[in-house]
N, C-alpha and C. Protein backbone atom coordinates (compact mmCIF):
# COMPACT_ATOMS: atom_id res chain seq x y z
N MET A 1 89.25 56.10 123.19
CA MET A 1 88.80 55.16 123.59
C MET A 1 89.05 53.85 122.40
N SER A 2 89.27 52.90 122.90
CA SER A 2 88.82 51.70 121.91
C SER A 2 87.59 50.86 121.42
N THR A 3 87.54 50.54 120.57
CA THR A 3 86.07 50.36 119.72
C THR A 3 86.20 48.92 119.27
N LEU A 4 87.30 48.61 119.13
CA LEU A 4 87.95 47.13 118.59
C LEU A 4 87.53 45.89 119.29
N LEU A 5 87.05 46.27 120.38
CA LEU A 5 87.27 45.18 121.58
C LEU A 5 85.52 45.54 122.55
N SER A 6 84.79 44.82 122.45
CA SER A 6 83.60 44.96 123.00
C SER A 6 83.37 45.51 124.18
N LYS A 7 82.15 45.86 124.40
CA LYS A 7 82.16 46.94 126.19
C LYS A 7 82.45 45.43 127.14
N ALA A 8 81.76 44.59 127.12
CA ALA A 8 82.42 43.61 128.06
C ALA A 8 83.10 43.15 128.50
N ASP A 9 84.05 42.81 127.15
CA ASP A 9 85.63 42.78 127.73
C ASP A 9 86.31 43.87 127.91
N ARG A 10 86.09 45.15 127.38
CA ARG A 10 87.20 46.45 127.96
C ARG A 10 86.78 46.24 129.82
N GLU A 11 85.68 45.86 130.04
CA GLU A 11 85.54 46.63 131.07
C GLU A 11 86.03 45.63 131.86
N LYS A 12 86.04 44.00 131.65
CA LYS A 12 87.17 42.91 131.57
C LYS A 12 88.53 43.62 132.06
N ILE A 13 88.96 44.10 130.98
CA ILE A 13 90.39 44.58 130.99
C ILE A 13 90.82 45.75 131.38
N ILE A 14 89.83 46.40 131.75
CA ILE A 14 89.98 48.09 132.92
C ILE A 14 90.19 47.23 133.97
N ASN A 15 89.29 46.55 134.74
CA ASN A 15 89.63 45.97 136.04
C ASN A 15 90.38 45.12 136.48
N ALA A 16 91.02 44.48 135.56
CA ALA A 16 92.16 43.73 135.38
C ALA A 16 93.56 44.54 136.18
N LEU A 17 93.79 45.55 134.84
CA LEU A 17 94.45 47.02 135.20
C LEU A 17 94.44 47.59 136.11
N ASN A 18 93.58 47.92 136.53
CA ASN A 18 93.18 48.44 137.74
C ASN A 18 93.40 48.01 138.73
N ILE A 19 93.15 46.30 138.98
CA ILE A 19 94.25 45.74 140.34
C ILE A 19 95.73 46.20 139.63
N ASP A 20 96.03 45.99 139.03
CA ASP A 20 97.68 46.15 138.56
C ASP A 20 97.90 47.84 138.89
N ILE A 21 97.20 48.22 138.62
CA ILE A 21 97.48 49.92 139.41
C ILE A 21 97.35 49.77 141.22
N GLY A 22 96.65 49.10 141.15
CA GLY A 22 97.29 49.40 143.10
C GLY A 22 98.29 48.60 143.37
N LEU A 23 98.63 47.43 142.57
CA LEU A 23 99.39 46.61 143.01
C LEU A 23 100.88 47.67 143.17
N GLU A 24 100.96 48.43 141.78
CA GLU A 24 102.00 48.87 141.65
C GLU A 24 102.12 50.18 142.67
N ILE A 25 101.53 51.14 142.51
CA ILE A 25 100.74 52.24 143.35
C ILE A 25 101.10 51.85 144.89
N GLY A 26 100.61 50.62 145.30
CA GLY A 26 101.31 50.26 146.93
C GLY A 26 103.12 49.88 146.63
N ALA A 27 103.12 49.03 145.14
CA ALA A 27 104.90 49.04 145.73
C ALA A 27 105.44 50.04 145.74
N ILE A 28 105.15 51.41 144.90
CA ILE A 28 106.04 52.12 145.04
C ILE A 28 105.88 53.04 145.98
N ILE A 29 105.38 52.83 146.73
CA ILE A 29 105.05 53.93 148.38
C ILE A 29 105.81 53.01 148.88
N GLN A 30 105.79 51.50 149.12
CA GLN A 30 106.43 50.43 149.90
C GLN A 30 108.12 50.56 149.45
N TYR A 31 108.32 50.49 148.47
CA TYR A 31 110.40 50.83 148.06
C TYR A 31 110.22 52.57 148.52
N ILE A 32 109.77 53.48 148.41
CA ILE A 32 109.89 54.38 148.57
C ILE A 32 110.07 54.64 150.38
N MET A 33 109.25 53.93 151.02
CA MET A 33 109.22 53.67 152.60
C MET A 33 110.57 53.30 153.02
N HIS A 34 110.41 52.31 152.31
CA HIS A 34 112.14 51.55 152.48
C HIS A 34 112.93 51.87 152.37
N GLU A 35 113.39 52.63 151.19
CA GLU A 35 114.56 53.76 151.02
C GLU A 35 114.96 54.56 151.85
N VAL A 36 113.96 55.27 152.38
CA VAL A 36 113.75 56.14 153.51
C VAL A 36 114.16 55.17 154.54
N MET A 37 114.00 54.48 155.28
CA MET A 37 114.02 53.72 156.43
C MET A 37 115.07 52.71 156.55
N ALA A 38 115.67 52.27 155.44
CA ALA A 38 116.72 51.47 155.41
C ALA A 38 117.73 51.55 156.47
N GLU A 39 118.25 50.93 157.17
CA GLU A 39 119.63 50.79 158.01
C GLU A 39 120.13 49.84 158.38
N GLY A 40 121.60 49.46 158.67
CA GLY A 40 122.56 49.26 158.80
C GLY A 40 123.57 48.98 157.64
N MET A 41 124.94 47.68 157.81
CA MET A 41 125.94 47.80 157.15
C MET A 41 125.65 47.74 155.39
N GLU A 42 124.60 46.75 155.19
CA GLU A 42 124.53 46.13 153.90
C GLU A 42 123.55 47.30 153.49
N SER A 43 123.01 48.46 154.00
CA SER A 43 121.39 49.28 153.66
C SER A 43 122.20 50.68 152.33
N PRO A 44 123.32 51.33 152.24
CA PRO A 44 123.55 51.67 150.95
C PRO A 44 123.22 51.05 150.19
N ALA A 45 123.53 49.61 149.69
CA ALA A 45 123.54 49.31 148.39
C ALA A 45 122.20 48.61 148.28
N ILE A 46 121.23 48.36 149.37
CA ILE A 46 119.83 47.96 149.05
C ILE A 46 119.00 49.15 148.78
N VAL A 47 119.21 50.25 149.65
CA VAL A 47 118.59 51.15 148.90
C VAL A 47 118.78 51.84 148.17
N GLU A 48 120.31 51.88 147.21
CA GLU A 48 119.91 51.93 145.76
C GLU A 48 118.90 51.37 144.77
N LYS A 49 118.91 49.93 145.07
CA LYS A 49 117.84 48.75 145.10
C LYS A 49 116.68 49.46 144.62
N PHE A 50 116.25 49.64 146.07
CA PHE A 50 114.78 50.38 146.83
C PHE A 50 114.49 51.11 145.54
N GLU A 51 115.22 52.50 145.59
CA GLU A 51 115.06 53.21 144.69
C GLU A 51 115.16 53.09 143.06
N GLU A 52 116.04 52.35 142.59
CA GLU A 52 115.74 52.10 141.65
C GLU A 52 114.54 50.99 140.98
N ILE A 53 113.59 50.09 141.37
CA ILE A 53 112.81 49.20 141.50
C ILE A 53 111.67 50.16 141.53
N SER A 54 111.80 51.15 142.58
CA SER A 54 110.35 52.21 142.54
C SER A 54 110.27 53.11 141.34
N ARG A 55 111.26 53.20 140.90
CA ARG A 55 111.15 53.81 139.42
C ARG A 55 110.93 52.98 138.40
N GLU A 56 111.41 51.57 138.14
CA GLU A 56 110.32 50.89 137.31
C GLU A 56 109.27 50.91 137.45
N GLU A 57 108.63 50.76 139.09
CA GLU A 57 107.25 50.86 138.98
C GLU A 57 106.68 51.64 138.53
N MET A 58 107.25 52.83 138.79
CA MET A 58 106.33 54.23 138.24
C MET A 58 106.55 53.81 136.90
N LYS A 59 107.18 53.41 136.16
CA LYS A 59 107.37 53.61 134.33
C LYS A 59 105.84 52.48 134.32
N HIS A 60 105.80 50.88 135.33
CA HIS A 60 104.48 50.22 135.15
C HIS A 60 103.35 50.82 134.93
N LEU A 61 103.02 51.57 136.13
CA LEU A 61 101.95 52.89 136.55
C LEU A 61 102.09 53.28 135.39
N GLU A 62 102.51 54.05 134.90
CA GLU A 62 102.36 54.75 133.69
C GLU A 62 101.45 54.04 132.48
N LYS A 63 101.96 53.09 132.32
CA LYS A 63 102.24 52.46 131.04
C LYS A 63 100.65 51.50 131.52
N LEU A 64 100.10 50.63 132.73
CA LEU A 64 98.77 50.69 133.31
C LEU A 64 97.59 52.05 132.87
N ALA A 65 98.39 52.77 133.43
CA ALA A 65 97.16 53.80 133.35
C ALA A 65 97.01 54.47 131.88
N ASP A 66 97.88 54.50 131.22
CA ASP A 66 97.59 55.04 129.84
C ASP A 66 96.76 54.11 129.02
N ARG A 67 96.70 52.78 129.25
CA ARG A 67 96.33 51.63 128.76
C ARG A 67 94.68 51.58 129.83
N VAL A 68 94.12 52.06 130.99
CA VAL A 68 92.89 51.83 131.01
C VAL A 68 92.56 53.36 130.35
N ASN A 69 92.94 54.34 130.46
CA ASN A 69 92.66 55.43 129.49
C ASN A 69 91.95 55.17 128.26
N TYR A 70 92.94 54.63 127.70
CA TYR A 70 92.72 54.25 125.74
C TYR A 70 91.56 53.70 125.80
N LEU A 71 91.32 52.09 126.90
CA LEU A 71 90.31 51.36 126.82
C LEU A 71 88.70 52.32 127.33
N GLY A 72 89.08 53.74 127.86
CA GLY A 72 87.49 54.23 128.13
C GLY A 72 87.38 54.54 129.87
N GLY A 73 88.48 53.91 130.54
CA GLY A 73 88.14 53.61 131.72
C GLY A 73 89.04 54.65 132.79
N VAL A 74 88.54 54.83 133.95
CA VAL A 74 89.24 55.26 134.97
C VAL A 74 90.53 54.98 135.92
N PRO A 75 91.39 55.26 135.71
CA PRO A 75 92.85 54.76 136.56
C PRO A 75 92.56 54.91 137.98
N ASN A 76 92.52 53.68 138.53
CA ASN A 76 92.52 53.34 139.71
C ASN A 76 93.57 54.38 140.50
N THR A 77 93.49 54.68 141.89
CA THR A 77 94.36 55.84 142.49
C THR A 77 94.55 55.40 143.76
N LYS A 78 93.80 54.06 144.13
CA LYS A 78 94.21 53.58 145.94
C LYS A 78 95.04 52.59 145.55
N PRO A 79 96.40 52.95 146.21
CA PRO A 79 97.49 51.83 146.44
C PRO A 79 96.85 50.11 147.03
N ASN A 80 97.28 49.41 146.92
CA ASN A 80 97.02 47.94 147.83
C ASN A 80 97.63 48.56 148.76
N PRO A 81 97.29 47.48 149.91
CA PRO A 81 98.00 47.62 151.04
C PRO A 81 99.42 47.13 151.64
N LEU A 82 99.95 47.91 151.82
CA LEU A 82 101.40 48.14 152.45
C LEU A 82 102.03 47.41 153.54
N LYS A 83 103.68 47.39 153.48
CA LYS A 83 104.30 46.58 154.54
C LYS A 83 105.33 47.28 154.42
N VAL A 84 105.25 48.39 155.61
CA VAL A 84 107.16 48.88 156.05
C VAL A 84 107.53 49.02 156.99
N GLY A 85 108.58 49.25 157.24
CA GLY A 85 109.44 49.06 158.26
C GLY A 85 110.14 47.81 158.90
N GLY A 86 110.54 47.83 159.76
CA GLY A 86 111.26 46.55 160.17
C GLY A 86 112.68 46.27 160.10
N ALA A 87 113.56 45.31 160.55
CA ALA A 87 114.81 45.42 159.52
C ALA A 87 114.83 45.31 158.44
N LEU A 88 116.15 45.73 157.86
CA LEU A 88 116.27 45.23 156.39
C LEU A 88 116.15 44.11 155.56
N LYS A 89 116.46 43.00 156.77
CA LYS A 89 116.04 41.48 155.96
C LYS A 89 114.39 41.67 155.77
N LYS A 90 113.91 41.65 156.34
CA LYS A 90 112.11 42.08 156.64
C LYS A 90 111.68 42.91 155.57
N MET A 91 112.52 44.09 155.49
CA MET A 91 111.87 44.72 154.25
C MET A 91 111.82 43.88 152.95
N ILE A 92 112.87 43.76 152.48
CA ILE A 92 113.79 43.05 151.51
C ILE A 92 112.15 41.64 151.58
N GLN A 93 112.16 40.78 152.08
CA GLN A 93 111.30 39.73 152.51
C GLN A 93 109.97 39.98 151.81
N ASP A 94 109.63 41.48 152.58
CA ASP A 94 108.17 42.40 152.29
C ASP A 94 108.07 42.56 150.78
N ASP A 95 109.28 42.78 150.18
CA ASP A 95 109.13 43.41 148.72
C ASP A 95 109.28 42.23 147.89
N LEU A 96 109.57 41.33 148.29
CA LEU A 96 110.02 39.85 147.36
C LEU A 96 108.18 39.51 147.64
N ASP A 97 107.65 39.75 148.75
CA ASP A 97 106.48 39.10 148.63
C ASP A 97 105.43 39.68 148.01
N GLY A 98 105.61 40.92 147.77
CA GLY A 98 104.84 41.90 146.51
C GLY A 98 105.30 41.59 145.66
N GLU A 99 106.37 41.02 145.06
CA GLU A 99 106.61 40.85 143.99
C GLU A 99 106.11 39.51 143.22
N TYR A 100 105.85 38.81 144.38
CA TYR A 100 105.64 37.51 144.02
C TYR A 100 103.70 37.65 143.60
N THR A 101 103.41 38.35 144.34
CA THR A 101 101.97 38.54 143.92
C THR A 101 101.68 39.21 142.95
N ALA A 102 102.62 40.21 142.20
CA ALA A 102 102.57 40.84 141.08
C ALA A 102 102.62 39.60 139.67
N ILE A 103 103.46 39.08 140.47
CA ILE A 103 104.17 37.64 138.82
C ILE A 103 102.57 36.73 138.87
N LYS A 104 102.17 36.59 140.21
CA LYS A 104 101.00 35.81 140.44
C LYS A 104 99.95 36.13 139.39
N THR A 105 99.49 37.29 139.49
CA THR A 105 98.45 38.32 139.06
C THR A 105 98.64 38.49 137.61
N TYR A 106 99.60 38.91 137.50
CA TYR A 106 100.09 39.49 136.00
C TYR A 106 100.09 37.81 134.78
N LYS A 107 100.67 36.99 135.32
CA LYS A 107 100.50 35.90 134.75
C LYS A 107 98.75 35.37 134.25
N SER A 108 98.33 35.35 135.24
CA SER A 108 96.89 34.75 135.00
C SER A 108 96.11 35.61 134.40
N GLN A 109 96.37 37.28 134.42
CA GLN A 109 95.93 38.27 133.64
C GLN A 109 96.21 38.14 132.16
N ILE A 110 97.67 37.54 131.60
CA ILE A 110 97.97 36.98 130.48
C ILE A 110 96.97 36.47 130.13
N LYS A 111 96.56 35.04 130.59
CA LYS A 111 96.07 34.20 129.65
C LYS A 111 94.39 35.11 129.72
N MET A 112 93.91 35.85 130.13
CA MET A 112 92.78 36.10 130.12
C MET A 112 92.61 36.99 128.71
N PHE A 113 93.48 38.02 128.99
CA PHE A 113 93.80 39.23 128.04
C PHE A 113 94.12 38.20 126.34
N ASP A 114 94.76 37.30 126.06
CA ASP A 114 95.03 36.29 125.58
C ASP A 114 93.41 35.42 124.71
N GLU A 115 92.47 35.14 125.64
CA GLU A 115 91.47 34.32 125.18
C GLU A 115 90.64 35.40 124.35
N ILE A 116 90.76 36.94 125.41
CA ILE A 116 89.85 38.31 124.42
C ILE A 116 90.51 38.79 123.47
N GLY A 117 91.35 38.03 123.21
CA GLY A 117 92.54 38.67 122.12
C GLY A 117 92.89 40.06 121.94
N ASP A 118 93.09 40.59 123.09
CA ASP A 118 93.50 42.04 123.16
C ASP A 118 95.36 41.79 123.34
N THR A 119 95.96 41.71 122.40
CA THR A 119 97.50 41.33 122.28
C THR A 119 98.22 42.52 122.50
N THR A 120 97.80 43.65 122.50
CA THR A 120 97.95 44.91 122.84
C THR A 120 98.53 44.85 124.62
N THR A 121 97.48 44.68 125.05
CA THR A 121 97.71 44.49 126.67
C THR A 121 98.57 43.46 126.67
N ARG A 122 98.08 42.22 126.38
CA ARG A 122 98.69 41.14 126.88
C ARG A 122 100.35 41.10 126.58
N LEU A 123 100.79 41.75 125.72
CA LEU A 123 102.09 42.04 125.08
C LEU A 123 102.50 43.52 126.30
N MET A 124 101.72 44.10 127.08
CA MET A 124 102.13 45.04 127.66
C MET A 124 102.11 44.46 128.66
N VAL A 125 101.44 43.89 129.52
CA VAL A 125 101.58 43.11 130.82
C VAL A 125 102.64 42.03 130.99
N GLU A 126 102.89 41.04 129.69
CA GLU A 126 104.05 40.06 129.68
C GLU A 126 105.26 41.41 129.64
N GLU A 127 105.21 42.25 129.53
CA GLU A 127 106.88 43.52 129.03
C GLU A 127 106.96 43.35 130.86
N ILE A 128 105.75 44.00 131.60
CA ILE A 128 105.94 44.54 133.04
C ILE A 128 106.65 43.26 133.74
N LEU A 129 105.71 41.85 133.19
CA LEU A 129 106.02 41.14 133.86
C LEU A 129 107.16 40.51 133.73
N THR A 130 108.26 40.65 133.00
CA THR A 130 109.57 40.35 133.01
C THR A 130 110.67 41.30 134.00
N ASP A 131 109.64 42.37 134.05
CA ASP A 131 110.73 43.55 134.62
C ASP A 131 110.07 42.48 136.27
N GLU A 132 108.94 42.23 136.73
CA GLU A 132 109.15 41.83 138.05
C GLU A 132 109.36 40.80 138.07
N GLU A 133 109.69 39.80 137.93
CA GLU A 133 110.36 38.56 137.82
C GLU A 133 112.05 39.10 137.99
N ASP A 134 112.28 40.05 137.51
CA ASP A 134 113.89 39.97 137.31
C ASP A 134 113.57 40.70 138.94
N HIS A 135 112.84 41.63 138.91
CA HIS A 135 113.11 42.50 140.76
C HIS A 135 112.55 40.98 141.72
N ALA A 136 112.04 40.04 141.47
CA ALA A 136 112.07 38.55 142.25
C ALA A 136 113.46 38.22 142.74
N ASP A 137 114.06 38.06 141.44
CA ASP A 137 115.52 37.25 141.49
C ASP A 137 116.49 38.38 141.94
N THR A 138 116.21 39.78 141.69
CA THR A 138 117.23 40.19 142.81
C THR A 138 116.76 40.26 144.69
N TRP A 139 115.79 40.33 144.70
CA TRP A 139 115.25 39.83 146.14
C TRP A 139 116.13 38.47 146.78
N GLU A 140 115.52 37.57 146.16
CA GLU A 140 116.30 36.17 146.41
C GLU A 140 117.19 36.07 146.46
N THR A 141 118.10 36.68 145.55
CA THR A 141 119.51 36.57 145.34
C THR A 141 120.21 37.66 147.09
N VAL A 142 119.57 38.57 146.80
CA VAL A 142 120.06 39.07 148.17
C VAL A 142 120.11 38.37 149.47
N LEU A 143 118.59 37.88 149.21
CA LEU A 143 118.09 37.12 150.65
C LEU A 143 119.30 36.04 150.78
N GLN A 144 119.32 34.82 149.73
CA GLN A 144 120.37 33.93 149.75
C GLN A 144 121.81 34.36 150.09
N LYS A 145 122.11 35.38 149.71
CA LYS A 145 123.66 36.39 150.22
C LYS A 145 123.74 36.10 151.52
N ALA A 146 122.47 37.06 152.08
CA ALA A 146 122.20 37.02 153.42
C ALA A 146 122.31 36.10 154.66
N VAL A 147 121.70 34.95 154.33
CA VAL A 147 121.70 33.61 155.00
C VAL A 147 122.64 32.81 154.94
N LYS A 148 123.68 33.22 153.97
CA LYS A 148 125.06 32.23 154.32
C LYS A 148 126.07 32.70 155.21
């Protein structure tokens, strides 16, 4: 457990990271369910993306849980609410909405980590944020192509 931060600051960070863990667990399950349920002419390429991104979300989950443990907390095990099923376009939109939620959450937390002075957590979440923005870009691009 880190003692370089006050107990109150550690608790704030742990609470924030546990929110993130819920987002990541939910994203993993949602992407896997979409991978399994996807049907249609475009689905093979999209299924590969669902699988690829779910694996990236698993890496995020592991980093976040490791950090919570290091700070002396217990990592969350409960996923955020899921949206699964429907037409392929709906699945993609649901995943894009999830990425937007993660991006908004991470951006607000980065400011808090910076104010607390926890550079390590800030840098880790900034790295995860970069991945989430890439995921959002992927789904935005796919949806734009589908509209044309």
